[in-house]
Amino acid sequence: MSKEYFYPELDLVEKNGKRYYLDSNNHPVPSVTTILSLTSNKSGVDEWRRRVGSKKADEIVHESTVIGSAVHEAIENYLSDQKWDSFDRDRLGLISKSITNKFIETGLTDITKIWGLESGLILDGLYAGTADCIGIYKDKPAIIDFKTARKIKKKEWIEDYFLQCCAYANAHNVMFDTNIKDLIILMVDRDLMFKEFHITEHEFPFYTDKWKKRLIKYHNNY
C-alpha cells in the first residue's frame, strides 16, 4: 500500500431501494452502479430469467452474490497483508476459496503498487462510488476491478464493467489531478479460468463518452 491520496469516507443513504452517497455539500448523489442499473438495457437479463425460471434465477443470483462478496473481501485482506483465508466450510465457501486462490496465483501478480482498496470517489452533484483497487498495473496507473463469474464472459457482454471503471477513473482524475486511462477487469470463473480485460488509453475516450451519455440519461430521467 502506498498512501499517495486521501480517499474520502462515503456516507451511504438508501432511497427507493437504491444506493446514494452524500457529497461534500451533503446532497445525495447516485452511486455509479445505480446509474448503470437504471440506464441499462435489461432485455437480456429478462429473457434469461424467463428461460431458467424466477426461482432458479434467484438462486443463481444469490449464490453469485455470496461468492462475489466472499472473494472481494478475501482479496482486499490479502492485498492489505491481513488474514484472508477465512471462508465458510460449505460449498459456496469452498468455491470462494478456490477462486480467491486463482486470483492470488494468477490475477494479482501484475499489481505492483496499491494506492487504495475499496476507495471512495465522488464528484459533487454527479455521482460517487467505491473502486475495488487503484494503483499501478503493468507499470501504468489504473482502476482495477475484480469480478467472479459462472463462466468467463465475452468482452462485448461486459461494457457496463468498463463504464463503471471509467466513471471511477474520471472521478479520480478530477479529484487528484491524475491521468488514469487504463481500466482493468480481472475475472475468474467457477472452472477457475482466468481472464484479463484491459482497456487502454486509446480506448479510454470511447468509454468516457459512453459513460457521459449514461450519466446525462440518468440525470435527465431521474
C-alpha atoms as a PDB file:
ATOM      1  CA  MET A   1       0.000   0.000   0.000  1.00  0.00           C
ATOM      2  CA  SER A   2       1.205   3.477  -0.889  1.00  0.00           C
ATOM      3  CA  LYS A   3      -0.857   6.235   0.701  1.00  0.00           C
ATOM      4  CA  GLU A   4      -0.403   8.848  -2.015  1.00  0.00           C
ATOM      5  CA  TYR A   5      -4.019  10.055  -1.987  1.00  0.00           C
ATOM      6  CA  PHE A   6      -6.616  10.652   0.686  1.00  0.00           C
ATOM      7  CA  TYR A   7      -9.829   8.889  -0.284  1.00  0.00           C
ATOM      8  CA  PRO A   8     -12.991  10.148   1.443  1.00  0.00           C
ATOM      9  CA  GLU A   9     -15.267   8.006   3.540  1.00  0.00           C
ATOM     10  CA  LEU A  10     -18.607   7.878   1.755  1.00  0.00           C
ATOM     11  CA  ASP A  11     -21.843   8.283   3.701  1.00  0.00           C
ATOM     12  CA  LEU A  12     -24.388   5.864   2.254  1.00  0.00           C
ATOM     13  CA  VAL A  13     -28.113   6.574   2.171  1.00  0.00           C
ATOM     14  CA  GLU A  14     -30.947   4.487   0.733  1.00  0.00           C
ATOM     15  CA  LYS A  15     -33.656   5.994  -1.447  1.00  0.00           C
ATOM     16  CA  ASN A  16     -36.289   3.883  -3.204  1.00  0.00           C
ATOM     17  CA  GLY A  17     -34.145   0.825  -2.702  1.00  0.00           C
ATOM     18  CA  LYS A  18     -31.154   2.376  -4.498  1.00  0.00           C
ATOM     19  CA  ARG A  19     -27.786   3.463  -3.131  1.00  0.00           C
ATOM     20  CA  TYR A  20     -26.923   7.136  -2.885  1.00  0.00           C
ATOM     21  CA  TYR A  21     -23.994   8.896  -1.260  1.00  0.00           C
ATOM     22  CA  LEU A  22     -23.747  12.304   0.343  1.00  0.00           C
ATOM     23  CA  ASP A  23     -21.386  14.657  -1.469  1.00  0.00           C
ATOM     24  CA  SER A  24     -19.310  17.370   0.209  1.00  0.00           C
ATOM     25  CA  ASN A  25     -22.354  19.655   0.166  1.00  0.00           C
ATOM     26  CA  ASN A  26     -24.397  16.973   1.971  1.00  0.00           C
ATOM     27  CA  HIS A  27     -26.503  16.375  -1.138  1.00  0.00           C
ATOM     28  CA  PRO A  28     -27.346  12.804  -2.177  1.00  0.00           C
ATOM     29  CA  VAL A  29     -25.750  11.696  -5.436  1.00  0.00           C
ATOM     30  CA  PRO A  30     -26.330   8.314  -7.101  1.00  0.00           C
ATOM     31  CA  SER A  31     -23.817   5.532  -6.989  1.00  0.00           C
ATOM     32  CA  VAL A  32     -22.174   4.530 -10.247  1.00  0.00           C
ATOM     33  CA  THR A  33     -23.883   1.144 -10.029  1.00  0.00           C
ATOM     34  CA  THR A  34     -27.281   2.826  -9.573  1.00  0.00           C
ATOM     35  CA  ILE A  35     -26.745   4.948 -12.674  1.00  0.00           C
ATOM     36  CA  LEU A  36     -25.690   1.968 -14.765  1.00  0.00           C
ATOM     37  CA  SER A  37     -28.544  -0.169 -13.465  1.00  0.00           C
ATOM     38  CA  LEU A  38     -31.218   2.422 -14.232  1.00  0.00           C
ATOM     39  CA  THR A  39     -29.886   3.243 -17.703  1.00  0.00           C
ATOM     40  CA  SER A  40     -29.057  -0.253 -18.945  1.00  0.00           C
ATOM     41  CA  ASN A  41     -30.895  -2.465 -21.408  1.00  0.00           C
ATOM     42  CA  LYS A  42     -32.264  -5.302 -19.282  1.00  0.00           C
ATOM     43  CA  SER A  43     -33.857  -7.277 -22.104  1.00  0.00           C
ATOM     44  CA  GLY A  44     -31.122  -9.916 -21.990  1.00  0.00           C
ATOM     45  CA  VAL A  45     -31.497 -10.401 -18.233  1.00  0.00           C
ATOM     46  CA  ASP A  46     -35.287 -10.569 -18.532  1.00  0.00           C
ATOM     47  CA  GLU A  47     -35.019 -13.185 -21.263  1.00  0.00           C
ATOM     48  CA  TRP A  48     -32.582 -15.227 -19.143  1.00  0.00           C
ATOM     49  CA  ARG A  49     -34.974 -15.117 -16.156  1.00  0.00           C
ATOM     50  CA  ARG A  50     -37.844 -16.298 -18.350  1.00  0.00           C
ATOM     51  CA  ARG A  51     -35.713 -19.094 -19.737  1.00  0.00           C
ATOM     52  CA  VAL A  52     -34.464 -20.526 -16.423  1.00  0.00           C
ATOM     53  CA  GLY A  53     -37.457 -19.533 -14.283  1.00  0.00           C
ATOM     54  CA  SER A  54     -37.664 -16.966 -11.495  1.00  0.00           C
ATOM     55  CA  LYS A  55     -36.866 -19.394  -8.669  1.00  0.00           C
ATOM     56  CA  LYS A  56     -33.748 -20.757 -10.352  1.00  0.00           C
ATOM     57  CA  ALA A  57     -32.658 -17.266 -11.376  1.00  0.00           C
ATOM     58  CA  ASP A  58     -32.963 -16.033  -7.791  1.00  0.00           C
ATOM     59  CA  GLU A  59     -30.898 -18.990  -6.567  1.00  0.00           C
ATOM     60  CA  ILE A  60     -28.163 -18.283  -9.127  1.00  0.00           C
ATOM     61  CA  VAL A  61     -28.083 -14.571  -8.279  1.00  0.00           C
ATOM     62  CA  HIS A  62     -27.920 -15.347  -4.544  1.00  0.00           C
ATOM     63  CA  GLU A  63     -25.041 -17.809  -5.000  1.00  0.00           C
ATOM     64  CA  SER A  64     -23.160 -15.391  -7.219  1.00  0.00           C
ATOM     65  CA  THR A  65     -23.604 -12.582  -4.682  1.00  0.00           C
ATOM     66  CA  VAL A  66     -22.361 -14.726  -1.783  1.00  0.00           C
ATOM     67  CA  ILE A  67     -19.319 -15.912  -3.737  1.00  0.00           C
ATOM     68  CA  GLY A  68     -18.539 -12.457  -5.107  1.00  0.00           C
ATOM     69  CA  SER A  69     -18.696 -10.832  -1.667  1.00  0.00           C
ATOM     70  CA  ALA A  70     -16.510 -13.504  -0.062  1.00  0.00           C
ATOM     71  CA  VAL A  71     -13.897 -13.305  -2.819  1.00  0.00           C
ATOM     72  CA  HIS A  72     -13.786  -9.498  -2.766  1.00  0.00           C
ATOM     73  CA  GLU A  73     -13.301  -9.447   0.996  1.00  0.00           C
ATOM     74  CA  ALA A  74     -10.555 -12.064   0.802  1.00  0.00           C
ATOM     75  CA  ILE A  75      -8.697 -10.238  -1.989  1.00  0.00           C
ATOM     76  CA  GLU A  76      -8.885  -6.954  -0.083  1.00  0.00           C
ATOM     77  CA  ASN A  77      -7.498  -8.637   3.031  1.00  0.00           C
ATOM     78  CA  TYR A  78      -4.760 -10.369   1.028  1.00  0.00           C
ATOM     79  CA  LEU A  79      -3.647  -7.135  -0.642  1.00  0.00           C
ATOM     80  CA  SER A  80      -3.712  -5.403   2.763  1.00  0.00           C
ATOM     81  CA  ASP A  81      -1.425  -8.082   4.251  1.00  0.00           C
ATOM     82  CA  GLN A  82      -4.188  -9.235   6.561  1.00  0.00           C
ATOM     83  CA  LYS A  83      -5.539 -12.716   7.261  1.00  0.00           C
ATOM     84  CA  TRP A  84      -7.606 -13.597   4.227  1.00  0.00           C
ATOM     85  CA  ASP A  85      -8.106 -17.385   4.298  1.00  0.00           C
ATOM     86  CA  SER A  86     -11.282 -17.430   6.409  1.00  0.00           C
ATOM     87  CA  PHE A  87     -14.088 -18.931   4.355  1.00  0.00           C
ATOM     88  CA  ASP A  88     -17.229 -20.765   5.341  1.00  0.00           C
ATOM     89  CA  ARG A  89     -16.811 -24.525   5.125  1.00  0.00           C
ATOM     90  CA  ASP A  90     -19.887 -25.058   2.974  1.00  0.00           C
ATOM     91  CA  ARG A  91     -19.996 -25.478  -0.815  1.00  0.00           C
ATOM     92  CA  LEU A  92     -20.038 -21.762  -1.579  1.00  0.00           C
ATOM     93  CA  GLY A  93     -17.180 -21.161   0.845  1.00  0.00           C
ATOM     94  CA  LEU A  94     -15.049 -23.793  -0.870  1.00  0.00           C
ATOM     95  CA  ILE A  95     -15.817 -22.306  -4.289  1.00  0.00           C
ATOM     96  CA  SER A  96     -14.927 -18.842  -2.988  1.00  0.00           C
ATOM     97  CA  LYS A  97     -11.623 -20.110  -1.597  1.00  0.00           C
ATOM     98  CA  SER A  98     -10.666 -21.778  -4.874  1.00  0.00           C
ATOM     99  CA  ILE A  99     -11.492 -18.651  -6.876  1.00  0.00           C
ATOM    100  CA  THR A 100      -9.509 -16.457  -4.474  1.00  0.00           C
ATOM    101  CA  ASN A 101      -6.504 -18.754  -4.739  1.00  0.00           C
ATOM    102  CA  LYS A 102      -6.677 -18.463  -8.532  1.00  0.00           C
ATOM    103  CA  PHE A 103      -6.732 -14.665  -8.287  1.00  0.00           C
ATOM    104  CA  ILE A 104      -3.706 -14.716  -5.984  1.00  0.00           C
ATOM    105  CA  GLU A 105      -1.730 -17.154  -8.128  1.00  0.00           C
ATOM    106  CA  THR A 106      -2.546 -15.590 -11.498  1.00  0.00           C
ATOM    107  CA  GLY A 107      -4.595 -12.420 -11.416  1.00  0.00           C
ATOM    108  CA  LEU A 108      -2.871 -10.160  -8.894  1.00  0.00           C
ATOM    109  CA  THR A 109       0.753 -10.591  -9.919  1.00  0.00           C
ATOM    110  CA  ASP A 110       0.864  -7.532 -12.212  1.00  0.00           C
ATOM    111  CA  ILE A 111      -0.286  -5.124  -9.473  1.00  0.00           C
ATOM    112  CA  THR A 112       2.967  -3.512  -8.344  1.00  0.00           C
ATOM    113  CA  LYS A 113       1.644  -0.636  -6.230  1.00  0.00           C
ATOM    114  CA  ILE A 114      -1.679  -0.047  -4.478  1.00  0.00           C
ATOM    115  CA  TRP A 115      -2.962   3.453  -3.782  1.00  0.00           C
ATOM    116  CA  GLY A 116      -6.317   2.380  -2.432  1.00  0.00           C
ATOM    117  CA  LEU A 117      -8.655  -0.555  -1.827  1.00  0.00           C
ATOM    118  CA  GLU A 118     -12.442  -0.109  -1.685  1.00  0.00           C
ATOM    119  CA  SER A 119     -11.696   3.578  -2.074  1.00  0.00           C
ATOM    120  CA  GLY A 120     -14.374   6.258  -2.089  1.00  0.00           C
ATOM    121  CA  LEU A 121     -14.543   8.541  -5.122  1.00  0.00           C
ATOM    122  CA  ILE A 122     -17.049  11.353  -5.558  1.00  0.00           C
ATOM    123  CA  LEU A 123     -17.917  14.184  -7.930  1.00  0.00           C
ATOM    124  CA  ASP A 124     -20.180  16.716  -6.237  1.00  0.00           C
ATOM    125  CA  GLY A 125     -23.641  16.838  -7.742  1.00  0.00           C
ATOM    126  CA  LEU A 126     -22.954  13.989 -10.143  1.00  0.00           C
ATOM    127  CA  TYR A 127     -22.037  10.563  -8.726  1.00  0.00           C
ATOM    128  CA  ALA A 128     -19.933   8.576  -6.298  1.00  0.00           C
ATOM    129  CA  GLY A 129     -18.750   5.036  -5.728  1.00  0.00           C
ATOM    130  CA  THR A 130     -16.054   2.772  -4.352  1.00  0.00           C
ATOM    131  CA  ALA A 131     -13.322   1.337  -6.557  1.00  0.00           C
ATOM    132  CA  ASP A 132     -12.055  -2.161  -5.820  1.00  0.00           C
ATOM    133  CA  CYS A 133      -8.420  -1.246  -6.351  1.00  0.00           C
ATOM    134  CA  ILE A 134      -6.497   1.807  -7.546  1.00  0.00           C
ATOM    135  CA  GLY A 135      -2.790   1.627  -8.259  1.00  0.00           C
ATOM    136  CA  ILE A 136      -0.091   0.632 -10.714  1.00  0.00           C
ATOM    137  CA  TYR A 137      -0.796  -2.271 -13.067  1.00  0.00           C
ATOM    138  CA  LYS A 138       1.839  -3.275 -15.608  1.00  0.00           C
ATOM    139  CA  ASP A 139       3.685  -0.029 -14.891  1.00  0.00           C
ATOM    140  CA  LYS A 140       0.665   2.227 -15.541  1.00  0.00           C
ATOM    141  CA  PRO A 141      -1.818   3.885 -13.165  1.00  0.00           C
ATOM    142  CA  ALA A 142      -5.100   2.009 -13.373  1.00  0.00           C
ATOM    143  CA  ILE A 143      -8.509   1.321 -11.941  1.00  0.00           C
ATOM    144  CA  ILE A 144      -8.645  -2.404 -11.213  1.00  0.00           C
ATOM    145  CA  ASP A 145     -11.848  -4.362 -10.671  1.00  0.00           C
ATOM    146  CA  PHE A 146     -12.207  -7.972  -9.528  1.00  0.00           C
ATOM    147  CA  LYS A 147     -15.089  -9.983 -10.974  1.00  0.00           C
ATOM    148  CA  THR A 148     -16.281 -13.524 -10.390  1.00  0.00           C
ATOM    149  CA  ALA A 149     -18.432 -15.316 -12.953  1.00  0.00           C
ATOM    150  CA  ARG A 150     -20.105 -18.638 -13.549  1.00  0.00           C
ATOM    151  CA  LYS A 151     -18.389 -18.661 -16.952  1.00  0.00           C
ATOM    152  CA  ILE A 152     -15.846 -16.245 -18.412  1.00  0.00           C
ATOM    153  CA  LYS A 153     -17.765 -13.579 -20.283  1.00  0.00           C
ATOM    154  CA  LYS A 154     -17.114 -12.107 -23.713  1.00  0.00           C
ATOM    155  CA  LYS A 155     -15.836  -8.539 -23.874  1.00  0.00           C
ATOM    156  CA  GLU A 156     -18.972  -7.309 -25.653  1.00  0.00           C
ATOM    157  CA  TRP A 157     -21.131  -8.576 -22.774  1.00  0.00           C
ATOM    158  CA  ILE A 158     -19.434  -6.563 -20.038  1.00  0.00           C
ATOM    159  CA  GLU A 159     -19.469  -2.985 -21.296  1.00  0.00           C
ATOM    160  CA  ASP A 160     -21.027  -1.799 -18.030  1.00  0.00           C
ATOM    161  CA  TYR A 161     -17.973  -3.138 -16.161  1.00  0.00           C
ATOM    162  CA  PHE A 162     -15.761  -0.892 -18.279  1.00  0.00           C
ATOM    163  CA  LEU A 163     -18.100   2.062 -17.821  1.00  0.00           C
ATOM    164  CA  GLN A 164     -18.007   1.555 -14.049  1.00  0.00           C
ATOM    165  CA  CYS A 165     -14.211   1.681 -14.029  1.00  0.00           C
ATOM    166  CA  CYS A 166     -14.278   4.625 -16.443  1.00  0.00           C
ATOM    167  CA  ALA A 167     -16.510   6.559 -14.044  1.00  0.00           C
ATOM    168  CA  TYR A 168     -14.057   5.909 -11.221  1.00  0.00           C
ATOM    169  CA  ALA A 169     -11.061   6.896 -13.344  1.00  0.00           C
ATOM    170  CA  ASN A 170     -12.654  10.186 -14.380  1.00  0.00           C
ATOM    171  CA  ALA A 171     -13.598  10.977 -10.778  1.00  0.00           C
ATOM    172  CA  HIS A 172     -10.064  10.196  -9.601  1.00  0.00           C
ATOM    173  CA  ASN A 173      -8.561  12.365 -12.335  1.00  0.00           C
ATOM    174  CA  VAL A 174     -10.731  15.325 -11.316  1.00  0.00           C
ATOM    175  CA  MET A 175     -10.249  14.852  -7.568  1.00  0.00           C
ATOM    176  CA  PHE A 176      -6.494  14.323  -7.575  1.00  0.00           C
ATOM    177  CA  ASP A 177      -5.317  15.741 -10.918  1.00  0.00           C
ATOM    178  CA  THR A 178      -4.192  12.310 -12.090  1.00  0.00           C
ATOM    179  CA  ASN A 179      -4.219  10.881 -15.594  1.00  0.00           C
ATOM    180  CA  ILE A 180      -5.604   7.374 -15.155  1.00  0.00           C
ATOM    181  CA  LYS A 181      -6.652   5.931 -18.514  1.00  0.00           C
ATOM    182  CA  ASP A 182      -6.109   2.187 -18.021  1.00  0.00           C
ATOM    183  CA  LEU A 183      -9.074   0.103 -16.874  1.00  0.00           C
ATOM    184  CA  ILE A 184      -8.506  -3.471 -15.751  1.00  0.00           C
ATOM    185  CA  ILE A 185     -11.129  -6.164 -15.232  1.00  0.00           C
ATOM    186  CA  LEU A 186      -9.717  -9.343 -13.696  1.00  0.00           C
ATOM    187  CA  MET A 187     -12.167 -12.237 -13.855  1.00  0.00           C
ATOM    188  CA  VAL A 188     -12.148 -15.823 -12.532  1.00  0.00           C
ATOM    189  CA  ASP A 189     -14.993 -18.254 -13.180  1.00  0.00           C
ATOM    190  CA  ARG A 190     -16.249 -21.371 -11.387  1.00  0.00           C
ATOM    191  CA  ASP A 191     -13.957 -23.559 -13.527  1.00  0.00           C
ATOM    192  CA  LEU A 192     -11.021 -21.457 -12.270  1.00  0.00           C
ATOM    193  CA  MET A 193     -10.381 -19.952 -15.678  1.00  0.00           C
ATOM    194  CA  PHE A 194      -8.747 -16.532 -15.508  1.00  0.00           C
ATOM    195  CA  LYS A 195      -9.246 -13.659 -17.946  1.00  0.00           C
ATOM    196  CA  GLU A 196      -7.811 -10.150 -18.049  1.00  0.00           C
ATOM    197  CA  PHE A 197      -9.754  -7.432 -19.853  1.00  0.00           C
ATOM    198  CA  HIS A 198      -7.601  -4.350 -20.389  1.00  0.00           C
ATOM    199  CA  ILE A 199      -8.962  -1.037 -21.660  1.00  0.00           C
ATOM    200  CA  THR A 200      -6.001   1.095 -22.696  1.00  0.00           C
ATOM    201  CA  GLU A 201      -5.606   4.851 -23.055  1.00  0.00           C
ATOM    202  CA  HIS A 202      -6.508   4.579 -26.754  1.00  0.00           C
ATOM    203  CA  GLU A 203      -9.950   3.177 -25.884  1.00  0.00           C
ATOM    204  CA  PHE A 204     -10.486   5.348 -22.827  1.00  0.00           C
ATOM    205  CA  PRO A 205     -12.082   8.339 -24.662  1.00  0.00           C
ATOM    206  CA  PHE A 206     -14.624   5.975 -26.280  1.00  0.00           C
ATOM    207  CA  TYR A 207     -15.762   4.644 -22.906  1.00  0.00           C
ATOM    208  CA  THR A 208     -15.663   8.095 -21.319  1.00  0.00           C
ATOM    209  CA  ASP A 209     -18.053   9.340 -23.995  1.00  0.00           C
ATOM    210  CA  LYS A 210     -20.384   6.378 -23.378  1.00  0.00           C
ATOM    211  CA  TRP A 211     -20.258   6.926 -19.618  1.00  0.00           C
ATOM    212  CA  LYS A 212     -21.108  10.624 -20.003  1.00  0.00           C
ATOM    213  CA  LYS A 213     -24.125   9.730 -22.141  1.00  0.00           C
ATOM    214  CA  ARG A 214     -25.357   7.286 -19.496  1.00  0.00           C
ATOM    215  CA  LEU A 215     -24.803   9.907 -16.781  1.00  0.00           C
ATOM    216  CA  ILE A 216     -26.778  12.506 -18.764  1.00  0.00           C
ATOM    217  CA  LYS A 217     -29.543   9.987 -19.423  1.00  0.00           C
ATOM    218  CA  TYR A 218     -29.799   9.240 -15.700  1.00  0.00           C
ATOM    219  CA  HIS A 219     -29.940  12.885 -14.644  1.00  0.00           C
ATOM    220  CA  ASN A 220     -32.488  13.689 -17.378  1.00  0.00           C
ATOM    221  CA  ASN A 221     -34.780  10.838 -16.329  1.00  0.00           C
ATOM    222  CA  TYR A 222     -34.363  10.695 -12.563  1.00  0.00           C
END
